[in-house]
Amino acid sequence: MDSNIQWQWLRFDQMTPAQMEAMFSLRQAVFIVEQDCIYLDIDGKDDQAIHLLGWVNNQLIATLRLFESYREYQSDSGETRASIGRICIHANFRNAGSGQQLVARALDFIRQNFNNKPVKIGAQLYLKQFYEKLGFRQVSDIYDEDGIDHIHMLLKE
């Protein structure tokens, strides 16, 4: 694990233009260019999220966004769930524990600030085992999102 990562939580309106540019650039590099998936990453929801940014030597190497109550992920009883998404690690920092650190920090934040609210994610199918190691379980059939197989996963309650 890279212990040199400097982590920061920011609401969208707290970000500087340089931080926003770094976040969107990393997400574009991974989700659009690397995964060859043309979609609208800037979806009008970033201003409703809390963002976790991970920096090494002033380079953004990890990011995700977190929603306290994500309406699309309500339970059958109407209970809202927290959600993390746009989970993104720079290619040069993968397979070194950075992804686990990133998601673990988000889950700790939810435990501490949102009363351990249930967490649901839409995960790329190939990352199923990664999320299972963090306590998530599959709760949906495979579905296509922008040409990539996904599943919904729920943090074990």
N, C-alpha and C. Protein backbone atom coordinates (compact mmCIF):
# COMPACT_ATOMS: atom_id res chain seq x y z
N MET A 1 0.83 -1.18 0.00
CA MET A 1 0.00 0.00 0.00
C MET A 1 0.87 1.24 0.00
N ASP A 2 0.41 2.24 -0.74
CA ASP A 2 1.15 3.48 -0.80
C ASP A 2 0.71 4.38 0.34
N SER A 3 1.58 4.53 1.33
CA SER A 3 1.26 5.36 2.49
C SER A 3 1.56 6.83 2.23
N ASN A 4 2.07 7.14 1.04
CA ASN A 4 2.40 8.52 0.71
C ASN A 4 1.22 9.28 0.12
N ILE A 5 0.05 8.66 0.06
CA ILE A 5 -1.12 9.32 -0.50
C ILE A 5 -1.65 10.35 0.50
N GLN A 6 -1.87 11.55 0.02
CA GLN A 6 -2.48 12.61 0.82
C GLN A 6 -3.96 12.65 0.45
N TRP A 7 -4.82 12.36 1.40
CA TRP A 7 -6.26 12.26 1.15
C TRP A 7 -6.96 13.54 1.57
N GLN A 8 -7.99 13.90 0.81
CA GLN A 8 -8.81 15.04 1.20
C GLN A 8 -10.26 14.84 0.75
N TRP A 9 -11.17 15.18 1.65
CA TRP A 9 -12.60 15.18 1.37
C TRP A 9 -13.01 16.61 1.03
N LEU A 10 -13.72 16.77 -0.08
CA LEU A 10 -14.18 18.10 -0.48
C LEU A 10 -15.57 18.01 -1.11
N ARG A 11 -16.41 18.98 -0.76
CA ARG A 11 -17.64 19.16 -1.53
C ARG A 11 -17.23 19.85 -2.83
N PHE A 12 -18.07 19.71 -3.83
CA PHE A 12 -17.76 20.27 -5.14
C PHE A 12 -17.50 21.78 -5.05
N ASP A 13 -18.31 22.48 -4.25
CA ASP A 13 -18.14 23.93 -4.15
C ASP A 13 -16.91 24.33 -3.34
N GLN A 14 -16.22 23.38 -2.75
CA GLN A 14 -14.98 23.65 -2.03
C GLN A 14 -13.75 23.44 -2.91
N MET A 15 -13.93 22.81 -4.06
CA MET A 15 -12.79 22.51 -4.93
C MET A 15 -12.32 23.75 -5.67
N THR A 16 -11.02 23.81 -5.84
CA THR A 16 -10.44 24.85 -6.69
C THR A 16 -10.61 24.41 -8.15
N PRO A 17 -10.51 25.33 -9.08
CA PRO A 17 -10.55 24.93 -10.49
C PRO A 17 -9.48 23.88 -10.83
N ALA A 18 -8.31 23.99 -10.25
CA ALA A 18 -7.24 23.02 -10.53
C ALA A 18 -7.61 21.62 -10.00
N GLN A 19 -8.23 21.55 -8.84
CA GLN A 19 -8.66 20.26 -8.29
C GLN A 19 -9.75 19.64 -9.16
N MET A 20 -10.71 20.46 -9.60
CA MET A 20 -11.77 19.96 -10.49
C MET A 20 -11.18 19.43 -11.79
N GLU A 21 -10.28 20.20 -12.35
CA GLU A 21 -9.66 19.79 -13.61
C GLU A 21 -8.91 18.46 -13.43
N ALA A 22 -8.18 18.32 -12.34
CA ALA A 22 -7.45 17.07 -12.08
C ALA A 22 -8.43 15.90 -11.94
N MET A 23 -9.53 16.11 -11.22
CA MET A 23 -10.51 15.05 -11.02
C MET A 23 -11.15 14.63 -12.34
N PHE A 24 -11.62 15.61 -13.11
CA PHE A 24 -12.26 15.27 -14.38
C PHE A 24 -11.25 14.67 -15.36
N SER A 25 -10.02 15.14 -15.35
CA SER A 25 -8.99 14.59 -16.24
C SER A 25 -8.70 13.13 -15.91
N LEU A 26 -8.59 12.81 -14.61
CA LEU A 26 -8.34 11.42 -14.23
C LEU A 26 -9.52 10.54 -14.62
N ARG A 27 -10.73 10.99 -14.34
CA ARG A 27 -11.91 10.19 -14.71
C ARG A 27 -12.01 10.00 -16.21
N GLN A 28 -11.72 11.02 -17.00
CA GLN A 28 -11.72 10.87 -18.45
C GLN A 28 -10.66 9.87 -18.91
N ALA A 29 -9.47 9.99 -18.36
CA ALA A 29 -8.37 9.10 -18.76
C ALA A 29 -8.73 7.64 -18.51
N VAL A 30 -9.36 7.37 -17.38
CA VAL A 30 -9.68 5.98 -17.04
C VAL A 30 -10.97 5.52 -17.70
N PHE A 31 -12.06 6.23 -17.47
CA PHE A 31 -13.38 5.74 -17.89
C PHE A 31 -13.65 5.92 -19.38
N ILE A 32 -13.13 6.97 -19.99
CA ILE A 32 -13.45 7.22 -21.39
C ILE A 32 -12.33 6.73 -22.32
N VAL A 33 -11.09 7.13 -22.04
CA VAL A 33 -9.98 6.76 -22.93
C VAL A 33 -9.54 5.32 -22.70
N GLU A 34 -9.13 5.00 -21.48
CA GLU A 34 -8.60 3.66 -21.20
C GLU A 34 -9.64 2.56 -21.44
N GLN A 35 -10.87 2.78 -20.97
CA GLN A 35 -11.91 1.76 -21.12
C GLN A 35 -12.65 1.88 -22.45
N ASP A 36 -12.24 2.84 -23.27
CA ASP A 36 -12.82 3.04 -24.60
C ASP A 36 -14.34 3.07 -24.52
N CYS A 37 -14.85 3.93 -23.67
CA CYS A 37 -16.28 4.02 -23.41
C CYS A 37 -16.71 5.48 -23.52
N ILE A 38 -17.39 5.79 -24.59
CA ILE A 38 -17.83 7.17 -24.78
C ILE A 38 -19.14 7.37 -24.02
N TYR A 39 -19.09 8.21 -22.99
CA TYR A 39 -20.28 8.53 -22.21
C TYR A 39 -20.07 9.89 -21.56
N LEU A 40 -21.14 10.46 -21.03
CA LEU A 40 -21.06 11.76 -20.38
C LEU A 40 -20.68 11.59 -18.92
N ASP A 41 -19.41 11.71 -18.62
CA ASP A 41 -18.95 11.61 -17.24
C ASP A 41 -19.48 12.76 -16.40
N ILE A 42 -19.48 13.95 -16.96
CA ILE A 42 -20.01 15.12 -16.25
C ILE A 42 -21.52 15.06 -16.42
N ASP A 43 -22.19 14.55 -15.36
CA ASP A 43 -23.61 14.21 -15.46
C ASP A 43 -24.53 15.09 -14.63
N GLY A 44 -23.99 16.18 -14.09
CA GLY A 44 -24.82 17.07 -13.30
C GLY A 44 -25.04 16.62 -11.87
N LYS A 45 -24.32 15.59 -11.41
CA LYS A 45 -24.49 15.09 -10.05
C LYS A 45 -23.30 15.38 -9.14
N ASP A 46 -22.19 15.82 -9.72
CA ASP A 46 -20.99 16.04 -8.89
C ASP A 46 -21.22 17.11 -7.82
N ASP A 47 -22.07 18.08 -8.11
CA ASP A 47 -22.30 19.14 -7.13
C ASP A 47 -23.14 18.66 -5.95
N GLN A 48 -23.72 17.47 -6.04
CA GLN A 48 -24.51 16.89 -4.95
C GLN A 48 -23.70 15.89 -4.12
N ALA A 49 -22.47 15.66 -4.53
CA ALA A 49 -21.64 14.61 -3.91
C ALA A 49 -20.54 15.22 -3.05
N ILE A 50 -19.98 14.37 -2.22
CA ILE A 50 -18.75 14.67 -1.49
C ILE A 50 -17.67 13.86 -2.20
N HIS A 51 -16.55 14.49 -2.47
CA HIS A 51 -15.50 13.86 -3.26
C HIS A 51 -14.28 13.56 -2.40
N LEU A 52 -13.72 12.37 -2.61
CA LEU A 52 -12.46 12.00 -1.98
C LEU A 52 -11.38 12.03 -3.04
N LEU A 53 -10.33 12.79 -2.77
CA LEU A 53 -9.21 12.92 -3.70
C LEU A 53 -7.95 12.41 -3.02
N GLY A 54 -7.16 11.63 -3.75
CA GLY A 54 -5.90 11.12 -3.24
C GLY A 54 -4.75 11.60 -4.12
N TRP A 55 -3.80 12.27 -3.50
CA TRP A 55 -2.69 12.91 -4.20
C TRP A 55 -1.35 12.28 -3.82
N VAL A 56 -0.48 12.13 -4.80
CA VAL A 56 0.92 11.75 -4.57
C VAL A 56 1.76 12.75 -5.33
N ASN A 57 2.61 13.47 -4.59
CA ASN A 57 3.47 14.49 -5.20
C ASN A 57 2.69 15.44 -6.11
N ASN A 58 1.57 15.94 -5.62
CA ASN A 58 0.72 16.90 -6.34
C ASN A 58 0.08 16.34 -7.61
N GLN A 59 0.07 15.02 -7.76
CA GLN A 59 -0.63 14.37 -8.87
C GLN A 59 -1.83 13.64 -8.29
N LEU A 60 -3.01 13.86 -8.87
CA LEU A 60 -4.19 13.14 -8.43
C LEU A 60 -4.10 11.71 -8.94
N ILE A 61 -4.12 10.75 -8.01
CA ILE A 61 -3.99 9.34 -8.41
C ILE A 61 -5.24 8.52 -8.07
N ALA A 62 -6.17 9.11 -7.31
CA ALA A 62 -7.37 8.37 -6.91
C ALA A 62 -8.51 9.34 -6.61
N THR A 63 -9.71 8.94 -6.97
CA THR A 63 -10.88 9.76 -6.65
C THR A 63 -12.13 8.89 -6.62
N LEU A 64 -13.11 9.37 -5.88
CA LEU A 64 -14.45 8.81 -5.90
C LEU A 64 -15.42 9.88 -5.46
N ARG A 65 -16.70 9.63 -5.70
CA ARG A 65 -17.71 10.53 -5.19
C ARG A 65 -18.69 9.74 -4.34
N LEU A 66 -19.21 10.41 -3.32
CA LEU A 66 -20.06 9.76 -2.33
C LEU A 66 -21.35 10.57 -2.17
N PHE A 67 -22.47 9.84 -2.15
CA PHE A 67 -23.77 10.46 -1.91
C PHE A 67 -24.33 9.88 -0.62
N GLU A 68 -24.79 10.74 0.27
CA GLU A 68 -25.38 10.26 1.52
C GLU A 68 -26.69 9.53 1.27
N SER A 69 -27.53 10.08 0.42
CA SER A 69 -28.82 9.47 0.11
C SER A 69 -29.01 9.48 -1.39
N TYR A 70 -28.91 8.32 -1.98
CA TYR A 70 -29.01 8.22 -3.43
C TYR A 70 -30.37 7.63 -3.77
N ARG A 71 -31.27 8.48 -4.25
CA ARG A 71 -32.67 8.07 -4.49
C ARG A 71 -32.80 6.84 -5.37
N GLU A 72 -31.93 6.71 -6.36
CA GLU A 72 -32.03 5.58 -7.28
C GLU A 72 -31.75 4.25 -6.58
N TYR A 73 -31.16 4.31 -5.38
CA TYR A 73 -30.82 3.09 -4.66
C TYR A 73 -31.66 2.91 -3.40
N GLN A 74 -32.91 3.38 -3.41
CA GLN A 74 -33.79 3.17 -2.27
C GLN A 74 -34.09 1.69 -2.09
N SER A 75 -34.31 1.30 -0.84
CA SER A 75 -34.73 -0.07 -0.55
C SER A 75 -36.22 -0.20 -0.85
N ASP A 76 -36.74 -1.41 -0.82
CA ASP A 76 -38.16 -1.64 -1.06
C ASP A 76 -39.03 -0.89 -0.04
N SER A 77 -38.49 -0.67 1.15
CA SER A 77 -39.24 0.04 2.19
C SER A 77 -39.11 1.56 2.05
N GLY A 78 -38.37 2.03 1.06
CA GLY A 78 -38.21 3.46 0.84
C GLY A 78 -37.00 4.08 1.53
N GLU A 79 -36.24 3.25 2.27
CA GLU A 79 -35.04 3.75 2.94
C GLU A 79 -33.99 4.10 1.89
N THR A 80 -33.42 5.30 2.01
CA THR A 80 -32.37 5.67 1.08
C THR A 80 -31.06 5.02 1.52
N ARG A 81 -30.20 4.83 0.56
CA ARG A 81 -28.89 4.24 0.82
C ARG A 81 -27.81 5.21 0.38
N ALA A 82 -26.69 5.13 1.02
CA ALA A 82 -25.52 5.87 0.56
C ALA A 82 -24.98 5.17 -0.68
N SER A 83 -24.25 5.91 -1.45
CA SER A 83 -23.65 5.32 -2.65
C SER A 83 -22.29 5.94 -2.89
N ILE A 84 -21.37 5.10 -3.33
CA ILE A 84 -20.08 5.60 -3.80
C ILE A 84 -19.97 5.24 -5.27
N GLY A 85 -19.35 6.12 -6.02
CA GLY A 85 -19.23 5.88 -7.45
C GLY A 85 -18.07 6.65 -8.03
N ARG A 86 -17.90 6.52 -9.34
CA ARG A 86 -16.78 7.11 -10.05
C ARG A 86 -15.48 6.79 -9.32
N ILE A 87 -15.39 5.53 -8.86
CA ILE A 87 -14.21 5.05 -8.14
C ILE A 87 -13.09 4.86 -9.17
N CYS A 88 -12.02 5.59 -9.01
CA CYS A 88 -11.06 5.71 -10.09
C CYS A 88 -9.63 5.77 -9.53
N ILE A 89 -8.77 4.92 -10.06
CA ILE A 89 -7.35 4.90 -9.68
C ILE A 89 -6.51 5.06 -10.95
N HIS A 90 -5.54 5.93 -10.90
CA HIS A 90 -4.61 6.11 -12.01
C HIS A 90 -3.94 4.77 -12.32
N ALA A 91 -3.75 4.47 -13.59
CA ALA A 91 -3.19 3.18 -14.02
C ALA A 91 -1.87 2.85 -13.34
N ASN A 92 -1.03 3.83 -13.10
CA ASN A 92 0.29 3.58 -12.50
C ASN A 92 0.23 3.24 -11.01
N PHE A 93 -0.94 3.35 -10.40
CA PHE A 93 -1.06 3.13 -8.96
C PHE A 93 -2.00 1.98 -8.61
N ARG A 94 -2.37 1.19 -9.60
CA ARG A 94 -3.25 0.04 -9.35
C ARG A 94 -2.44 -1.15 -8.84
N ASN A 95 -3.14 -2.07 -8.21
CA ASN A 95 -2.55 -3.32 -7.70
C ASN A 95 -1.51 -3.07 -6.60
N ALA A 96 -1.65 -1.94 -5.93
CA ALA A 96 -0.73 -1.64 -4.83
C ALA A 96 -1.50 -1.30 -3.56
N GLY A 97 -2.82 -1.55 -3.58
CA GLY A 97 -3.64 -1.27 -2.41
C GLY A 97 -4.31 0.09 -2.41
N SER A 98 -4.03 0.91 -3.41
CA SER A 98 -4.62 2.25 -3.45
C SER A 98 -6.14 2.20 -3.57
N GLY A 99 -6.64 1.28 -4.37
CA GLY A 99 -8.09 1.15 -4.54
C GLY A 99 -8.78 0.73 -3.25
N GLN A 100 -8.16 -0.20 -2.53
CA GLN A 100 -8.72 -0.63 -1.25
C GLN A 100 -8.72 0.52 -0.24
N GLN A 101 -7.63 1.28 -0.21
CA GLN A 101 -7.56 2.44 0.68
C GLN A 101 -8.66 3.44 0.35
N LEU A 102 -8.86 3.70 -0.93
CA LEU A 102 -9.85 4.67 -1.40
C LEU A 102 -11.25 4.27 -0.93
N VAL A 103 -11.65 3.03 -1.22
CA VAL A 103 -13.00 2.58 -0.86
C VAL A 103 -13.14 2.46 0.65
N ALA A 104 -12.11 1.97 1.33
CA ALA A 104 -12.17 1.83 2.79
C ALA A 104 -12.37 3.20 3.44
N ARG A 105 -11.72 4.23 2.93
CA ARG A 105 -11.91 5.58 3.47
C ARG A 105 -13.35 6.05 3.28
N ALA A 106 -13.93 5.73 2.14
CA ALA A 106 -15.33 6.11 1.90
C ALA A 106 -16.26 5.39 2.87
N LEU A 107 -16.03 4.11 3.09
CA LEU A 107 -16.88 3.34 4.00
C LEU A 107 -16.72 3.84 5.44
N ASP A 108 -15.50 4.19 5.84
CA ASP A 108 -15.28 4.78 7.17
C ASP A 108 -16.03 6.10 7.30
N PHE A 109 -16.00 6.90 6.25
CA PHE A 109 -16.70 8.19 6.27
C PHE A 109 -18.20 7.98 6.47
N ILE A 110 -18.75 6.99 5.77
CA ILE A 110 -20.18 6.68 5.90
C ILE A 110 -20.50 6.21 7.32
N ARG A 111 -19.66 5.34 7.87
CA ARG A 111 -19.88 4.86 9.25
C ARG A 111 -19.88 6.03 10.24
N GLN A 112 -18.93 6.92 10.09
CA GLN A 112 -18.75 8.00 11.05
C GLN A 112 -19.73 9.15 10.87
N ASN A 113 -20.12 9.44 9.63
CA ASN A 113 -20.92 10.64 9.37
C ASN A 113 -22.37 10.38 8.98
N PHE A 114 -22.66 9.17 8.54
CA PHE A 114 -24.02 8.86 8.07
C PHE A 114 -24.62 7.69 8.84
N ASN A 115 -24.21 7.53 10.09
CA ASN A 115 -24.80 6.53 10.97
C ASN A 115 -24.77 5.11 10.37
N ASN A 116 -23.65 4.79 9.72
CA ASN A 116 -23.47 3.45 9.16
C ASN A 116 -24.59 3.05 8.21
N LYS A 117 -25.05 4.00 7.43
CA LYS A 117 -26.13 3.79 6.46
C LYS A 117 -25.76 2.68 5.47
N PRO A 118 -26.72 1.87 5.02
CA PRO A 118 -26.42 0.86 4.00
C PRO A 118 -25.84 1.52 2.74
N VAL A 119 -24.94 0.80 2.07
CA VAL A 119 -24.25 1.35 0.90
C VAL A 119 -24.51 0.45 -0.30
N LYS A 120 -24.94 1.05 -1.39
CA LYS A 120 -25.16 0.31 -2.63
C LYS A 120 -24.31 0.94 -3.73
N ILE A 121 -23.75 0.10 -4.57
CA ILE A 121 -22.93 0.59 -5.68
C ILE A 121 -23.33 -0.12 -6.97
N GLY A 122 -23.04 0.53 -8.07
CA GLY A 122 -23.11 -0.09 -9.39
C GLY A 122 -21.68 -0.38 -9.80
N ALA A 123 -21.31 -1.65 -9.79
CA ALA A 123 -19.91 -2.03 -10.01
C ALA A 123 -19.72 -2.68 -11.37
N GLN A 124 -18.58 -2.41 -11.97
CA GLN A 124 -18.24 -3.15 -13.19
C GLN A 124 -18.04 -4.61 -12.79
N LEU A 125 -18.61 -5.50 -13.59
CA LEU A 125 -18.62 -6.93 -13.26
C LEU A 125 -17.22 -7.47 -12.99
N TYR A 126 -16.24 -7.03 -13.74
CA TYR A 126 -14.90 -7.60 -13.56
C TYR A 126 -14.29 -7.24 -12.20
N LEU A 127 -14.89 -6.27 -11.49
CA LEU A 127 -14.39 -5.87 -10.17
C LEU A 127 -15.18 -6.51 -9.03
N LYS A 128 -16.03 -7.47 -9.34
CA LYS A 128 -16.88 -8.10 -8.33
C LYS A 128 -16.07 -8.62 -7.15
N GLN A 129 -15.01 -9.37 -7.39
CA GLN A 129 -14.21 -9.95 -6.29
C GLN A 129 -13.53 -8.86 -5.46
N PHE A 130 -13.11 -7.79 -6.10
CA PHE A 130 -12.50 -6.67 -5.38
C PHE A 130 -13.48 -6.13 -4.35
N TYR A 131 -14.72 -5.90 -4.76
CA TYR A 131 -15.72 -5.35 -3.84
C TYR A 131 -16.18 -6.38 -2.81
N GLU A 132 -16.21 -7.65 -3.19
CA GLU A 132 -16.59 -8.68 -2.22
C GLU A 132 -15.59 -8.72 -1.06
N LYS A 133 -14.31 -8.51 -1.36
CA LYS A 133 -13.29 -8.49 -0.30
C LYS A 133 -13.51 -7.33 0.67
N LEU A 134 -14.22 -6.32 0.23
CA LEU A 134 -14.51 -5.16 1.07
C LEU A 134 -15.86 -5.29 1.78
N GLY A 135 -16.54 -6.43 1.56
CA GLY A 135 -17.80 -6.69 2.27
C GLY A 135 -19.06 -6.54 1.44
N PHE A 136 -18.95 -6.22 0.17
CA PHE A 136 -20.13 -6.08 -0.68
C PHE A 136 -20.58 -7.45 -1.20
N ARG A 137 -21.88 -7.53 -1.52
CA ARG A 137 -22.42 -8.74 -2.15
C ARG A 137 -23.29 -8.32 -3.32
N GLN A 138 -23.32 -9.16 -4.34
CA GLN A 138 -24.10 -8.89 -5.54
C GLN A 138 -25.58 -8.99 -5.22
N VAL A 139 -26.37 -8.00 -5.70
CA VAL A 139 -27.82 -8.00 -5.44
C VAL A 139 -28.63 -7.80 -6.71
N SER A 140 -28.01 -7.94 -7.87
CA SER A 140 -28.74 -7.79 -9.13
C SER A 140 -28.18 -8.73 -10.18
N ASP A 141 -28.93 -8.86 -11.23
CA ASP A 141 -28.42 -9.54 -12.41
C ASP A 141 -27.43 -8.61 -13.11
N ILE A 142 -26.69 -9.14 -14.04
CA ILE A 142 -25.76 -8.34 -14.83
C ILE A 142 -26.58 -7.43 -15.74
N TYR A 143 -26.16 -6.18 -15.84
CA TYR A 143 -26.82 -5.25 -16.75
C TYR A 143 -25.76 -4.47 -17.51
N ASP A 144 -26.13 -3.98 -18.67
CA ASP A 144 -25.23 -3.22 -19.51
C ASP A 144 -25.35 -1.74 -19.19
N GLU A 145 -24.22 -1.12 -18.93
CA GLU A 145 -24.19 0.33 -18.77
C GLU A 145 -23.07 0.87 -19.64
N ASP A 146 -23.45 1.57 -20.68
CA ASP A 146 -22.49 2.16 -21.62
C ASP A 146 -21.57 1.11 -22.23
N GLY A 147 -22.12 -0.08 -22.52
CA GLY A 147 -21.35 -1.13 -23.17
C GLY A 147 -20.47 -1.95 -22.25
N ILE A 148 -20.59 -1.76 -20.94
CA ILE A 148 -19.78 -2.50 -19.97
C ILE A 148 -20.71 -3.23 -19.01
N ASP A 149 -20.44 -4.52 -18.75
CA ASP A 149 -21.26 -5.30 -17.82
C ASP A 149 -21.08 -4.78 -16.40
N HIS A 150 -22.22 -4.53 -15.74
CA HIS A 150 -22.25 -4.03 -14.36
C HIS A 150 -23.16 -4.91 -13.51
N ILE A 151 -23.02 -4.79 -12.21
CA ILE A 151 -23.93 -5.40 -11.24
C ILE A 151 -24.13 -4.39 -10.11
N HIS A 152 -25.29 -4.49 -9.46
CA HIS A 152 -25.48 -3.73 -8.23
C HIS A 152 -24.96 -4.58 -7.08
N MET A 153 -24.32 -3.90 -6.14
CA MET A 153 -23.78 -4.58 -4.97
C MET A 153 -24.18 -3.79 -3.73
N LEU A 154 -24.41 -4.50 -2.65
CA LEU A 154 -24.82 -3.90 -1.38
C LEU A 154 -23.82 -4.29 -0.33
N LEU A 155 -23.41 -3.34 0.50
CA LEU A 155 -22.53 -3.66 1.61
C LEU A 155 -23.30 -4.51 2.60
N LYS A 156 -22.73 -5.65 2.98
CA LYS A 156 -23.39 -6.58 3.91
C LYS A 156 -23.79 -5.83 5.16
N GLU A 157 -25.04 -6.03 5.55
CA GLU A 157 -25.55 -5.31 6.72
C GLU A 157 -25.49 -6.20 7.94
